[in-house]
């Protein structure tokens, strides 16, 4: 399925948003980057490392290589996060925090505005992007892991954009040693990003895709599942931004990350279970015998069994470690291709049988 869909009005809405999003952001933050942009450049290598590390983590969470069919959705999701999200989030945060201050007072707002405003508006803006991309590529989406990947890369784009914004804000607020402060903040954001935007949006993406693809279920069930996964994303964000209590610095920084990691780990465990069910169903098809016996293909199911199978290949076939990994990847790709296989229909003859007289 091609990324360019000129007959889709939604595609052109997406394109306009991606083009106008940076303009909106620059109109709001031009002064910030004018005065703090040069020292903020010191953080670019760390920001690039953040992109590489968490992109690799998302790929590692996809053991059966569903990403091979989702190159265009992943790229378009990332572009939404890095272009559309910053301007909309900056505008929305300003307005929501103003409402919080007016309703609850400045003292409450100073402590809680981030934990209330950001989960509401930032997650909503990201889930809009996830939904747009998911609808555009609906024929490709068949499993919850597809939502995790699209949502994860929407969130990763937002995370990278936010890192750049924080670097400029830090440089502007520290005129004495801006480069040193920028580097410290960038490293801290890298270390605490284990359950940041990418993980939150990954869960929201699972909810969006299940809402779209589970047409065998009632609307109530689908909306409920979406609300569950989206609610987990919002909860993770609220915990991440909640005011820190007094105590050892390491505990104060690590505790929200640990709690969010538990939430994400439980949700991901369910997603991984659906992937293993999909693989079992695929290798049980008769056509899978063209690739190998079912017990052999079943070695792909878990990380431990895959590692054991690679060791067997290296011993029996004298393969190197990279060759064994490449063989495993090729086999997973061929198994995945079987899931798209449909048996040919019954033949339709080109002549009409003469009815009996």
Protein backbone atom coordinates (compact mmCIF):
# COMPACT_ATOMS: atom_id res chain seq x y z
CA UNK A 1 0.00 0.00 0.00
CA UNK A 2 1.48 3.34 -1.08
CA UNK A 3 1.91 6.29 1.26
CA UNK A 4 0.75 8.73 -1.43
CA UNK A 5 -3.06 8.67 -1.45
CA UNK A 6 -4.21 11.62 -3.55
CA UNK A 7 -7.84 10.49 -3.61
CA UNK A 8 -8.09 10.58 0.17
CA UNK A 9 -9.20 13.85 1.74
CA UNK A 10 -7.73 12.69 5.03
CA UNK A 11 -4.31 12.36 3.40
CA UNK A 12 -4.40 16.01 2.34
CA UNK A 13 -5.51 17.03 5.83
CA UNK A 14 -2.47 15.18 7.16
CA UNK A 15 -0.18 16.92 4.65
CA UNK A 16 -1.52 20.36 5.55
CA UNK A 17 -1.05 19.63 9.25
CA UNK A 18 2.55 18.50 8.74
CA UNK A 19 3.35 21.65 6.73
CA UNK A 20 1.55 24.15 8.95
CA UNK A 21 2.50 22.57 12.27
CA UNK A 22 6.11 23.84 12.28
CA UNK A 23 4.94 27.29 11.19
CA UNK A 24 2.58 27.47 14.15
CA UNK A 25 5.36 26.32 16.46
CA UNK A 26 7.84 28.89 15.17
CA UNK A 27 5.29 31.69 15.57
CA UNK A 28 4.99 30.78 19.25
CA UNK A 29 8.63 30.00 20.04
CA UNK A 30 10.64 32.16 17.63
CA UNK A 31 12.09 34.33 20.40
CA UNK A 32 13.07 31.29 22.45
CA UNK A 33 15.16 29.83 19.65
CA UNK A 34 16.52 33.21 18.57
CA UNK A 35 18.12 33.85 21.96
CA UNK A 36 18.72 30.28 23.16
CA UNK A 37 19.10 28.30 19.98
CA UNK A 38 22.89 28.40 19.59
CA UNK A 39 23.80 26.90 23.01
CA UNK A 40 20.97 24.40 22.56
CA UNK A 41 22.82 22.90 19.60
CA UNK A 42 25.18 21.25 22.09
CA UNK A 43 22.40 18.78 22.95
CA UNK A 44 21.84 17.59 19.38
CA UNK A 45 24.16 14.54 19.66
CA UNK A 46 22.33 13.40 22.80
CA UNK A 47 18.98 14.03 21.12
CA UNK A 48 20.14 11.94 18.15
CA UNK A 49 21.21 9.21 20.57
CA UNK A 50 17.73 9.34 22.15
CA UNK A 51 16.16 8.81 18.73
CA UNK A 52 18.45 5.87 17.99
CA UNK A 53 18.09 4.18 21.39
CA UNK A 54 14.31 4.32 21.64
CA UNK A 55 13.79 3.56 17.97
CA UNK A 56 15.88 0.42 18.55
CA UNK A 57 13.81 -0.42 21.64
CA UNK A 58 10.59 -0.18 19.63
CA UNK A 59 12.04 -2.50 17.01
CA UNK A 60 13.15 -4.91 19.76
CA UNK A 61 9.57 -4.99 21.05
CA UNK A 62 8.53 -6.33 17.62
CA UNK A 63 10.09 -9.83 17.62
CA UNK A 64 8.13 -11.02 14.59
CA UNK A 65 9.07 -8.05 12.40
CA UNK A 66 5.60 -6.60 11.80
CA UNK A 67 7.39 -3.32 11.08
CA UNK A 68 8.38 -4.54 7.61
CA UNK A 69 4.85 -3.86 6.37
CA UNK A 70 4.54 -0.56 8.22
CA UNK A 71 7.40 1.55 6.91
CA UNK A 72 5.17 4.31 5.52
CA UNK A 73 2.82 4.44 8.57
CA UNK A 74 5.79 4.54 10.94
CA UNK A 75 7.47 7.37 9.05
CA UNK A 76 4.23 9.35 8.75
CA UNK A 77 3.48 8.82 12.42
CA UNK A 78 6.93 10.04 13.41
CA UNK A 79 6.49 13.12 11.20
CA UNK A 80 3.20 13.92 12.95
CA UNK A 81 4.91 13.77 16.31
CA UNK A 82 7.88 15.89 15.32
CA UNK A 83 6.02 18.53 13.27
CA UNK A 84 2.35 18.78 14.24
CA UNK A 85 2.53 17.94 17.94
CA UNK A 86 4.95 20.66 19.21
CA UNK A 87 2.97 23.70 18.08
CA UNK A 88 -0.40 22.28 19.09
CA UNK A 89 0.93 21.07 22.46
CA UNK A 90 2.59 24.41 23.24
CA UNK A 91 -0.62 26.31 22.50
CA UNK A 92 -2.83 23.81 24.35
CA UNK A 93 -0.60 23.69 27.44
CA UNK A 94 -0.65 27.47 27.76
CA UNK A 95 -4.42 27.58 27.62
CA UNK A 96 -5.13 24.55 29.82
CA UNK A 97 -2.71 25.72 32.52
CA UNK A 98 -4.41 29.13 32.48
CA UNK A 99 -7.76 27.43 33.07
CA UNK A 100 -6.29 25.38 35.94
CA UNK A 101 -4.82 28.51 37.55
CA UNK A 102 -8.13 30.36 37.23
CA UNK A 103 -10.12 27.49 38.73
CA UNK A 104 -7.77 26.27 41.47
CA UNK A 105 -5.42 29.15 42.13
CA UNK A 106 -1.79 29.83 41.34
CA UNK A 107 -0.41 27.80 44.24
CA UNK A 108 -2.17 24.62 43.12
CA UNK A 109 -1.35 25.29 39.48
CA UNK A 110 2.38 25.61 40.14
CA UNK A 111 2.47 22.11 41.64
CA UNK A 112 -0.08 20.26 39.53
CA UNK A 113 -0.50 22.01 36.21
CA UNK A 114 1.98 19.74 34.40
CA UNK A 115 0.42 16.57 35.83
CA UNK A 116 -3.06 17.70 34.73
CA UNK A 117 -2.59 19.70 31.54
CA UNK A 118 0.01 17.57 29.75
CA UNK A 119 -1.82 14.22 30.07
CA UNK A 120 -5.01 15.84 28.80
CA UNK A 121 -3.87 17.81 25.78
CA UNK A 122 -0.56 16.21 24.80
CA UNK A 123 -1.94 12.67 24.72
CA UNK A 124 -5.03 13.87 22.85
CA UNK A 125 -2.92 15.54 20.15
CA UNK A 126 -0.81 12.41 19.74
CA UNK A 127 -3.81 10.09 19.57
CA UNK A 128 -5.29 12.26 16.80
CA UNK A 129 -2.13 11.63 14.78
CA UNK A 130 -2.24 7.91 15.53
CA UNK A 131 -5.86 7.75 14.41
CA UNK A 132 -5.19 9.68 11.19
CA UNK A 133 -2.32 7.38 10.20
CA UNK A 134 -4.21 4.25 11.24
CA UNK A 135 -7.25 5.19 9.15
CA UNK A 136 -5.06 5.98 6.14
CA UNK A 137 -3.41 2.56 6.35
CA UNK A 138 -6.34 0.57 7.69
CA UNK A 139 -5.90 -2.36 5.20
CA UNK A 140 -2.43 -3.05 6.60
CA UNK A 141 -3.49 -3.21 10.25
CA UNK A 142 -4.45 -6.65 11.54
CA UNK A 143 -2.71 -7.04 14.92
CA UNK A 144 -2.30 -4.99 18.13
CA UNK A 145 1.48 -4.77 17.56
CA UNK A 146 0.75 -2.57 14.54
CA UNK A 147 -0.83 0.01 16.83
CA UNK A 148 2.05 -0.24 19.29
CA UNK A 149 4.56 0.54 16.53
CA UNK A 150 2.62 3.43 14.96
CA UNK A 151 1.79 4.94 18.35
CA UNK A 152 5.33 4.45 19.58
CA UNK A 153 6.82 6.37 16.68
CA UNK A 154 4.27 9.17 16.96
CA UNK A 155 5.33 9.49 20.58
CA UNK A 156 9.02 9.24 19.71
CA UNK A 157 8.64 12.14 17.28
CA UNK A 158 6.97 14.18 20.03
CA UNK A 159 9.74 13.20 22.44
CA UNK A 160 12.47 14.41 20.07
CA UNK A 161 10.64 17.70 19.46
CA UNK A 162 10.19 18.20 23.20
CA UNK A 163 13.88 17.51 23.84
CA UNK A 164 14.81 20.25 21.36
CA UNK A 165 12.37 22.65 23.03
CA UNK A 166 13.72 21.87 26.51
CA UNK A 167 17.28 22.44 25.31
CA UNK A 168 16.39 25.92 24.06
CA UNK A 169 14.49 26.74 27.26
CA UNK A 170 17.44 25.59 29.39
CA UNK A 171 19.91 27.65 27.39
CA UNK A 172 17.75 30.75 27.76
CA UNK A 173 17.33 30.26 31.51
CA UNK A 174 21.05 29.72 32.18
CA UNK A 175 23.01 32.64 30.71
CA UNK A 176 26.15 31.90 32.77
CA UNK A 177 26.91 28.31 31.70
CA UNK A 178 24.22 27.52 29.12
CA UNK A 179 26.08 24.72 27.32
CA UNK A 180 26.81 22.79 30.52
CA UNK A 181 23.19 23.12 31.71
CA UNK A 182 21.86 22.10 28.30
CA UNK A 183 24.00 18.95 28.33
CA UNK A 184 22.94 18.03 31.87
CA UNK A 185 19.25 18.41 31.04
CA UNK A 186 19.65 16.44 27.80
CA UNK A 187 21.34 13.55 29.62
CA UNK A 188 18.68 13.53 32.35
CA UNK A 189 15.92 13.45 29.75
CA UNK A 190 17.64 10.56 28.01
CA UNK A 191 17.94 8.61 31.27
CA UNK A 192 14.32 9.23 32.29
CA UNK A 193 12.87 8.64 28.81
CA UNK A 194 12.45 4.90 29.32
CA UNK A 195 8.70 5.40 29.78
CA UNK A 196 8.27 8.80 28.15
CA UNK A 197 6.14 9.84 25.16
CA UNK A 198 7.03 6.83 23.01
CA UNK A 199 5.76 4.33 25.60
CA UNK A 200 2.60 6.28 26.42
CA UNK A 201 1.62 6.67 22.77
CA UNK A 202 2.45 3.03 22.04
CA UNK A 203 -0.34 1.98 24.41
CA UNK A 204 -2.73 4.53 22.92
CA UNK A 205 -1.88 3.15 19.48
CA UNK A 206 -2.89 -0.35 20.56
CA UNK A 207 -6.26 1.02 21.61
CA UNK A 208 -6.78 2.88 18.33
CA UNK A 209 -5.96 -0.15 16.18
CA UNK A 210 -8.16 -2.48 18.22
CA UNK A 211 -10.99 0.01 17.83
CA UNK A 212 -10.54 -0.11 14.05
CA UNK A 213 -9.87 -3.78 13.37
CA UNK A 214 -11.99 -5.77 15.83
CA UNK A 215 -15.13 -5.58 13.74
CA UNK A 216 -16.09 -9.01 15.09
CA UNK A 217 -16.80 -7.32 18.42
CA UNK A 218 -19.49 -4.88 19.44
CA UNK A 219 -18.92 -1.13 19.40
CA UNK A 220 -19.18 -1.08 23.17
CA UNK A 221 -16.36 -3.61 23.51
CA UNK A 222 -14.13 -1.77 21.03
CA UNK A 223 -14.70 1.63 22.62
CA UNK A 224 -14.09 0.14 26.05
CA UNK A 225 -10.77 -1.41 25.00
CA UNK A 226 -9.69 1.86 23.39
CA UNK A 227 -10.62 3.74 26.56
CA UNK A 228 -8.59 1.26 28.63
CA UNK A 229 -5.38 1.63 26.62
CA UNK A 230 -5.79 5.37 26.17
CA UNK A 231 -6.47 5.69 29.90
CA UNK A 232 -3.24 3.79 30.63
CA UNK A 233 -1.34 6.25 28.43
CA UNK A 234 -2.87 9.23 30.24
CA UNK A 235 -2.17 7.62 33.63
CA UNK A 236 1.47 7.02 32.70
CA UNK A 237 1.80 10.67 31.68
CA UNK A 238 0.18 11.92 34.88
CA UNK A 239 2.49 9.77 37.01
CA UNK A 240 5.52 10.91 35.03
CA UNK A 241 4.69 14.61 35.54
CA UNK A 242 3.29 14.41 39.08
CA UNK A 243 4.98 16.62 41.72
CA UNK A 244 7.98 14.91 43.29
CA UNK A 245 7.98 14.33 47.03
CA UNK A 246 10.99 15.07 49.18
CA UNK A 247 13.57 12.30 49.50
CA UNK A 248 16.74 10.89 47.95
CA UNK A 249 17.23 12.33 44.47
CA UNK A 250 17.69 8.93 42.84
CA UNK A 251 14.46 7.57 44.33
CA UNK A 252 12.52 10.72 43.45
CA UNK A 253 13.66 10.50 39.81
CA UNK A 254 13.36 6.73 39.44
CA UNK A 255 10.06 5.96 41.19
CA UNK A 256 7.71 7.40 38.52
CA UNK A 257 9.73 5.66 35.82
CA UNK A 258 9.49 2.33 37.65
CA UNK A 259 5.71 2.65 38.13
CA UNK A 260 5.21 3.57 34.47
CA UNK A 261 7.48 0.72 33.42
CA UNK A 262 5.28 -1.74 35.32
CA UNK A 263 2.16 -0.39 33.60
CA UNK A 264 3.77 -0.56 30.19
CA UNK A 265 5.26 -4.00 30.83
CA UNK A 266 1.89 -5.52 31.77
CA UNK A 267 0.21 -4.05 28.68
CA UNK A 268 3.06 -5.13 26.41
CA UNK A 269 2.93 -8.65 27.82
CA UNK A 270 -0.65 -8.89 26.57
CA UNK A 271 0.34 -7.55 23.14
CA UNK A 272 3.20 -10.06 22.92
CA UNK A 273 0.74 -12.81 23.80
CA UNK A 274 -1.43 -11.84 20.83
CA UNK A 275 1.65 -11.98 18.60
CA UNK A 276 2.43 -15.51 19.74
CA UNK A 277 -1.19 -16.56 19.12
CA UNK A 278 -0.92 -15.12 15.61
CA UNK A 279 2.31 -17.03 14.97
CA UNK A 280 0.85 -20.32 16.28
CA UNK A 281 -2.18 -19.90 14.01
CA UNK A 282 0.04 -19.12 11.02
CA UNK A 283 2.44 -22.05 11.41
CA UNK A 284 -0.50 -24.44 11.91
CA UNK A 285 -1.70 -23.79 8.35
CA UNK A 286 -0.99 -26.61 5.89
CA UNK A 287 0.91 -24.24 3.62
CA UNK A 288 3.42 -23.66 6.42
CA UNK A 289 4.80 -27.15 5.70
CA UNK A 290 6.60 -25.60 2.75
CA UNK A 291 8.85 -23.82 5.27
CA UNK A 292 9.39 -26.64 7.76
CA UNK A 293 7.74 -28.88 10.29
CA UNK A 294 5.48 -27.19 12.84
CA UNK A 295 7.75 -28.06 15.83
CA UNK A 296 10.67 -26.41 14.02
CA UNK A 297 8.69 -23.26 13.26
CA UNK A 298 7.41 -23.20 16.85
CA UNK A 299 10.97 -22.40 17.93
CA UNK A 300 10.27 -18.85 16.77
CA UNK A 301 7.71 -18.29 19.53
CA UNK A 302 9.92 -17.14 22.40
CA UNK A 303 13.21 -15.33 22.76
CA UNK A 304 14.71 -18.29 24.61
CA UNK A 305 13.70 -20.84 21.96
CA UNK A 306 14.97 -18.56 19.18
CA UNK A 307 18.31 -18.22 20.92
CA UNK A 308 18.49 -22.01 21.30
CA UNK A 309 17.61 -22.52 17.62
CA UNK A 310 20.33 -20.07 16.54
CA UNK A 311 22.85 -21.95 18.66
CA UNK A 312 21.77 -25.17 16.93
CA UNK A 313 22.28 -23.60 13.52
CA UNK A 314 25.74 -22.44 14.46
CA UNK A 315 26.63 -25.92 15.67
CA UNK A 316 25.02 -28.08 12.97
CA UNK A 317 25.34 -25.80 9.92
CA UNK A 318 28.58 -24.09 10.95
CA UNK A 319 26.91 -20.68 10.63
CA UNK A 320 28.35 -17.55 12.15
CA UNK A 321 26.27 -15.58 14.63
CA UNK A 322 25.21 -12.94 12.01
CA UNK A 323 24.34 -15.71 9.53
CA UNK A 324 22.15 -17.45 12.10
CA UNK A 325 20.36 -14.20 12.91
CA UNK A 326 19.85 -13.48 9.22
CA UNK A 327 18.44 -16.97 8.69
CA UNK A 328 16.03 -16.42 11.59
CA UNK A 329 14.89 -13.05 10.22
CA UNK A 330 14.31 -14.50 6.77
CA UNK A 331 12.29 -17.37 8.22
CA UNK A 332 10.14 -14.95 10.28
CA UNK A 333 9.51 -12.88 7.16
CA UNK A 334 8.46 -15.94 5.18
CA UNK A 335 6.13 -17.05 7.97
CA UNK A 336 4.63 -13.54 8.06
CA UNK A 337 4.03 -13.74 4.31
CA UNK A 338 1.93 -16.87 4.91
CA UNK A 339 -0.53 -14.89 7.01
CA UNK A 340 -1.48 -12.98 3.85
CA UNK A 341 -2.02 -16.18 1.89
CA UNK A 342 -5.52 -16.89 0.74
CA UNK A 343 -6.34 -20.19 -1.00
CA UNK A 344 -7.47 -19.73 -4.59
CA UNK A 345 -11.21 -19.87 -5.20
CA UNK A 346 -12.87 -22.82 -6.84
CA UNK A 347 -12.25 -22.75 -10.59
CA UNK A 348 -14.91 -21.09 -12.69
CA UNK A 349 -15.27 -22.76 -16.06
CA UNK A 350 -15.55 -20.74 -19.23
CA UNK A 351 -18.37 -22.77 -20.64
CA UNK A 352 -21.93 -23.25 -19.56
CA UNK A 353 -23.07 -26.75 -18.82
CA UNK A 354 -25.99 -27.88 -20.93
CA UNK A 355 -28.97 -28.38 -18.66
CA UNK A 356 -30.44 -31.88 -18.71
CA UNK A 357 -33.46 -32.38 -20.92
